[in-house]
N, C-alpha and C. Protein backbone atom coordinates (compact mmCIF):
# COMPACT_ATOMS: atom_id res chain seq x y z
N ALA A 1 125.35 93.81 115.69
CA ALA A 1 126.18 93.15 115.07
C ALA A 1 125.66 92.50 113.69
N ASN A 2 126.01 92.32 112.61
CA ASN A 2 125.36 91.60 111.63
C ASN A 2 126.33 89.74 111.36
N TYR A 3 125.67 89.27 111.28
CA TYR A 3 126.16 87.45 111.21
C TYR A 3 125.95 86.93 109.59
N ASN A 4 126.87 86.35 108.90
CA ASN A 4 126.62 85.75 107.52
C ASN A 4 126.61 84.18 107.85
N ILE A 5 125.07 84.02 108.07
CA ILE A 5 124.86 82.40 107.97
C ILE A 5 124.08 82.10 106.86
N ASP A 6 124.84 80.58 106.53
CA ASP A 6 124.64 80.36 105.35
C ASP A 6 124.45 80.92 104.00
N ARG A 7 124.75 82.08 104.14
CA ARG A 7 124.84 83.27 102.83
C ARG A 7 123.49 83.52 103.49
N THR A 8 123.22 83.95 104.38
CA THR A 8 122.13 84.87 104.39
C THR A 8 122.20 85.95 105.38
N LEU A 9 122.16 87.10 105.08
CA LEU A 9 122.30 88.63 106.03
C LEU A 9 121.81 88.45 106.90
N TYR A 10 121.71 87.94 108.25
CA TYR A 10 120.93 87.85 109.78
C TYR A 10 121.14 88.78 110.42
N GLU A 11 120.38 89.79 110.99
CA GLU A 11 120.37 90.95 111.35
C GLU A 11 120.04 91.14 113.28
N THR A 12 120.91 91.04 113.79
CA THR A 12 120.87 90.69 115.17
C THR A 12 119.58 91.74 116.14
N ASP A 13 118.62 91.76 116.22
CA ASP A 13 117.62 92.21 117.33
C ASP A 13 117.26 91.40 118.34
N THR A 14 116.46 92.48 119.52
CA THR A 14 115.75 92.21 120.48
C THR A 14 113.99 92.08 120.22
N ILE A 15 113.71 91.08 120.70
CA ILE A 15 111.75 91.74 120.20
C ILE A 15 111.25 90.67 121.46
N THR A 16 110.10 90.92 121.40
CA THR A 16 108.96 90.26 122.45
C THR A 16 108.32 89.77 121.48
N ALA A 17 107.88 88.43 121.95
CA ALA A 17 107.17 87.92 121.15
C ALA A 17 105.90 88.20 121.55
N LEU A 18 104.65 88.10 120.42
CA LEU A 18 102.94 88.69 120.59
C LEU A 18 102.67 88.00 121.89
N ASP A 19 101.81 88.80 122.48
CA ASP A 19 100.95 87.54 123.89
C ASP A 19 100.16 86.63 123.38
N GLY A 20 100.45 85.52 124.01
CA GLY A 20 99.45 84.62 123.61
C GLY A 20 100.20 83.76 122.51
N ASP A 21 101.31 84.31 121.88
CA ASP A 21 101.85 83.18 120.68
C ASP A 21 102.69 81.78 120.91
N THR A 22 101.74 80.69 120.73
CA THR A 22 101.92 79.02 120.75
C THR A 22 103.84 79.07 120.41
N THR A 23 103.59 79.94 118.79
CA THR A 23 104.93 79.40 118.15
C THR A 23 105.45 80.80 117.51
N PRO A 24 106.25 82.02 118.40
CA PRO A 24 106.55 83.16 117.81
C PRO A 24 107.58 82.74 117.22
N SER A 25 107.77 84.53 116.33
CA SER A 25 108.68 83.89 115.30
C SER A 25 109.74 84.67 115.96
N VAL A 26 110.96 84.29 115.46
CA VAL A 26 112.50 84.46 115.80
C VAL A 26 113.33 85.47 114.25
N PHE A 27 112.55 85.32 113.16
CA PHE A 27 112.73 86.51 112.27
C PHE A 27 113.96 87.34 112.60
N ASN A 28 115.34 87.38 112.16
CA ASN A 28 115.71 88.59 112.80
C ASN A 28 116.25 88.65 114.00
N THR A 29 116.20 87.71 114.71
CA THR A 29 116.68 87.96 116.13
C THR A 29 117.59 86.64 116.29
N ASN A 30 118.22 87.09 117.82
CA ASN A 30 118.70 85.98 118.48
C ASN A 30 118.60 86.35 120.22
N VAL A 31 117.58 87.38 120.33
CA VAL A 31 117.12 87.30 121.69
C VAL A 31 115.53 87.63 121.50
N ILE A 32 114.65 86.66 122.30
CA ILE A 32 113.52 86.56 122.41
C ILE A 32 113.11 86.87 123.72
N HIS A 33 112.11 88.06 123.70
CA HIS A 33 111.74 88.26 125.46
C HIS A 33 110.20 86.99 125.72
N LEU A 34 109.59 86.59 126.20
CA LEU A 34 108.47 85.93 126.46
C LEU A 34 107.48 86.98 127.58
N ALA A 35 106.37 87.83 127.31
CA ALA A 35 106.25 88.31 128.25
C ALA A 35 104.60 88.14 128.32
N ASN A 36 103.89 86.66 128.29
CA ASN A 36 102.72 86.71 128.30
C ASN A 36 101.60 87.24 129.32
N SER A 37 100.72 87.39 128.83
CA SER A 37 99.73 87.95 130.23
C SER A 37 99.25 87.11 130.89
N ALA A 38 99.03 85.67 129.84
CA ALA A 38 98.35 84.17 130.61
C ALA A 38 99.32 82.97 130.43
N THR A 39 98.81 82.07 130.86
CA THR A 39 99.37 80.83 130.47
C THR A 39 99.24 80.63 129.10
N THR A 40 100.47 80.45 128.69
CA THR A 40 101.16 79.95 127.07
C THR A 40 101.77 78.77 127.22
N ASN A 41 101.54 78.02 126.67
CA ASN A 41 102.59 77.25 125.72
C ASN A 41 103.28 77.12 124.56
N VAL A 42 104.61 77.66 124.76
CA VAL A 42 105.22 77.52 123.33
C VAL A 42 105.57 76.05 122.94
N THR A 43 105.52 76.10 121.46
CA THR A 43 105.53 74.37 121.60
C THR A 43 106.64 74.60 120.00
N HIS A 44 107.19 76.08 119.34
CA HIS A 44 107.81 75.84 118.30
C HIS A 44 108.38 77.20 118.32
N PHE A 45 109.38 77.60 117.64
CA PHE A 45 110.26 78.87 117.21
C PHE A 45 109.75 79.51 115.61
N ASP A 46 108.68 80.13 115.29
CA ASP A 46 108.94 79.93 113.78
C ASP A 46 109.99 80.65 113.03
N ASP A 47 109.67 80.98 112.07
CA ASP A 47 111.06 81.31 111.11
C ASP A 47 112.75 81.29 111.34
N GLY A 48 113.19 80.06 112.45
CA GLY A 48 114.01 80.09 112.20
C GLY A 48 114.81 79.17 111.25
N ILE A 49 116.35 79.96 110.97
CA ILE A 49 117.13 79.64 110.02
C ILE A 49 118.36 78.24 110.60
N GLU A 50 118.87 77.85 109.71
CA GLU A 50 119.60 76.67 110.23
C GLU A 50 120.77 77.38 110.62
N ASP A 51 120.68 76.78 111.56
CA ASP A 51 122.15 77.36 112.39
C ASP A 51 121.97 78.82 113.51
N GLN A 52 120.84 78.83 113.40
CA GLN A 52 120.28 80.02 114.27
C GLN A 52 120.46 80.06 115.81
N GLU A 53 120.71 80.98 116.34
CA GLU A 53 120.90 80.95 118.00
C GLU A 53 120.32 81.65 118.57
N ILE A 54 119.38 81.65 119.23
CA ILE A 54 118.56 82.25 120.25
C ILE A 54 118.61 82.05 121.73
N ILE A 55 118.39 83.42 122.34
CA ILE A 55 118.04 83.69 123.88
C ILE A 55 116.92 83.69 123.71
N ILE A 56 116.15 82.87 125.12
CA ILE A 56 114.84 83.18 125.62
C ILE A 56 114.83 83.76 127.16
N VAL A 57 113.97 84.75 126.76
CA VAL A 57 114.30 85.66 128.57
C VAL A 57 113.05 85.55 128.29
N ALA A 58 112.50 85.14 129.98
CA ALA A 58 111.50 84.97 130.03
C ALA A 58 111.05 85.96 131.22
N ASP A 59 109.95 86.78 130.75
CA ASP A 59 109.83 88.29 131.64
C ASP A 59 109.09 87.78 132.73
N ASN A 60 108.10 87.09 132.87
CA ASN A 60 107.29 86.71 133.75
C ASN A 60 107.44 85.11 134.02
N ALA A 61 106.12 84.69 134.92
CA ALA A 61 106.22 83.07 134.54
C ALA A 61 105.11 82.79 133.93
N ASN A 62 104.45 83.05 132.66
CA ASN A 62 103.23 83.42 132.58
C ASN A 62 103.45 81.81 131.28
N THR A 63 104.60 81.77 130.79
CA THR A 63 105.14 80.66 129.90
C THR A 63 105.63 79.73 130.03
N ASN A 64 105.17 78.30 129.32
CA ASN A 64 105.57 77.01 129.48
C ASN A 64 106.09 76.93 128.27
N ILE A 65 107.63 76.12 128.09
CA ILE A 65 108.39 75.50 127.25
C ILE A 65 107.93 74.10 126.96
N MET A 66 107.19 73.42 126.21
CA MET A 66 106.79 72.46 125.82
C MET A 66 107.82 71.25 125.25
N PHE A 67 108.95 71.05 125.85
CA PHE A 67 109.91 70.26 125.76
C PHE A 67 109.31 68.64 125.91
N GLY A 68 108.27 68.43 126.68
CA GLY A 68 107.84 66.88 126.91
C GLY A 68 106.83 66.88 125.61
N THR A 69 106.33 67.67 125.04
CA THR A 69 105.49 67.49 124.19
C THR A 69 105.44 67.83 122.64
N SER A 70 106.27 68.43 122.96
CA SER A 70 106.63 69.45 121.05
C SER A 70 107.50 68.49 120.35
N SER A 71 107.50 68.14 119.59
CA SER A 71 108.43 67.32 118.47
C SER A 71 109.98 68.37 117.91
N THR A 72 109.59 69.40 118.02
CA THR A 72 110.51 70.86 117.77
C THR A 72 111.40 71.19 118.37
N LEU A 73 111.24 71.02 119.95
CA LEU A 73 111.58 71.54 120.91
C LEU A 73 112.60 70.47 121.84
N VAL A 74 113.55 70.57 121.85
CA VAL A 74 114.56 69.53 122.27
C VAL A 74 115.40 69.78 123.64
N GLY A 75 115.37 69.37 124.57
CA GLY A 75 115.78 69.55 125.98
C GLY A 75 115.45 69.64 127.08
N ASN A 76 116.17 69.80 128.22
CA ASN A 76 115.30 69.80 129.82
C ASN A 76 114.96 68.42 129.82
N GLY A 77 115.66 67.20 129.46
CA GLY A 77 115.15 66.07 129.59
C GLY A 77 114.15 65.59 128.82
N ALA A 78 113.51 66.54 127.80
CA ALA A 78 111.92 66.21 127.65
C ALA A 78 110.88 66.35 128.18
N THR A 79 111.02 67.41 129.57
CA THR A 79 109.93 67.72 130.20
C THR A 79 109.72 68.71 130.11
N ASN A 80 108.76 69.42 130.31
CA ASN A 80 108.38 70.67 129.89
C ASN A 80 108.66 71.65 131.15
N TYR A 81 109.01 72.77 131.07
CA TYR A 81 109.77 73.88 131.61
C TYR A 81 108.91 75.11 131.75
N ASN A 82 108.82 75.44 132.81
CA ASN A 82 108.70 76.96 133.42
C ASN A 82 109.41 77.92 133.61
N PRO A 83 109.77 78.55 132.80
CA PRO A 83 110.50 79.82 133.42
C PRO A 83 110.28 80.52 134.35
N GLN A 84 110.90 80.75 135.21
CA GLN A 84 110.84 81.82 136.22
C GLN A 84 111.27 83.21 135.52
N ILE A 85 110.46 84.61 136.17
CA ILE A 85 111.03 85.57 136.03
C ILE A 85 112.41 85.70 135.59
N ASN A 86 113.27 86.12 134.82
CA ASN A 86 114.20 86.48 134.45
C ASN A 86 115.44 85.49 134.17
N THR A 87 114.55 84.44 133.79
CA THR A 87 115.39 82.47 133.63
C THR A 87 115.89 83.01 131.72
N THR A 88 116.82 82.61 131.66
CA THR A 88 117.13 82.72 130.25
C THR A 88 117.67 80.87 129.53
N ILE A 89 117.55 80.59 127.88
CA ILE A 89 117.14 79.88 127.88
C ILE A 89 118.31 79.99 126.35
N TYR A 90 119.26 79.18 126.18
CA TYR A 90 119.61 79.04 125.36
C TYR A 90 118.97 78.20 124.12
N CYS A 91 119.16 78.80 122.86
CA CYS A 91 118.62 77.34 121.70
C CYS A 91 119.44 77.46 120.57
N LYS A 92 119.38 76.37 119.78
CA LYS A 92 120.02 76.60 118.64
C LYS A 92 119.30 75.63 117.46
N PHE A 93 119.26 76.11 116.38
CA PHE A 93 118.12 75.73 115.22
C PHE A 93 119.29 74.45 114.38
N ASP A 94 118.76 73.60 114.35
CA ASP A 94 119.66 72.98 112.97
C ASP A 94 118.80 72.38 111.96
N GLY A 95 117.83 73.28 111.39
CA GLY A 95 116.88 73.38 110.15
C GLY A 95 115.85 72.13 110.56
N THR A 96 115.51 71.46 111.35
CA THR A 96 114.25 70.52 112.00
C THR A 96 114.00 71.10 113.64
N VAL A 97 114.98 71.21 114.50
CA VAL A 97 115.05 70.96 115.82
C VAL A 97 115.15 72.25 116.39
N TRP A 98 115.10 73.01 117.70
CA TRP A 98 115.48 73.68 118.52
C TRP A 98 116.13 73.13 119.51
N ASN A 99 117.61 72.55 119.52
CA ASN A 99 117.88 72.34 120.67
C ASN A 99 118.52 73.25 121.75
N CYS A 100 117.63 72.51 123.04
CA CYS A 100 118.01 74.12 124.02
C CYS A 100 118.94 73.74 125.10
N ILE A 101 119.50 74.24 126.26
CA ILE A 101 119.95 74.53 126.76
C ILE A 101 119.60 75.39 128.19
N VAL A 102 118.46 74.21 129.38
CA VAL A 102 117.92 75.13 129.77
C VAL A 102 118.88 75.58 131.18
């Protein structure tokens, strides 16, 4: 599917973040899988565009979403979150921060 957001063609894709990446890119995607081989603290999603929506899928329990310490990830009552396998998180980027629902 294609979306026209802020006059920027945005093609949806499903990707898997690079192993160990604490700020994975969400360029041209709306679904990102996190499958880190060791504990990884995600503090931001790079390359987002205003009004972009993403679904984060935890493929294992090795990733922490750092809501409590990141200034660009908002959600979960500002408490860091360790999603378990097959957990999904919805986020929308306002141009500055990712507002997320756990």
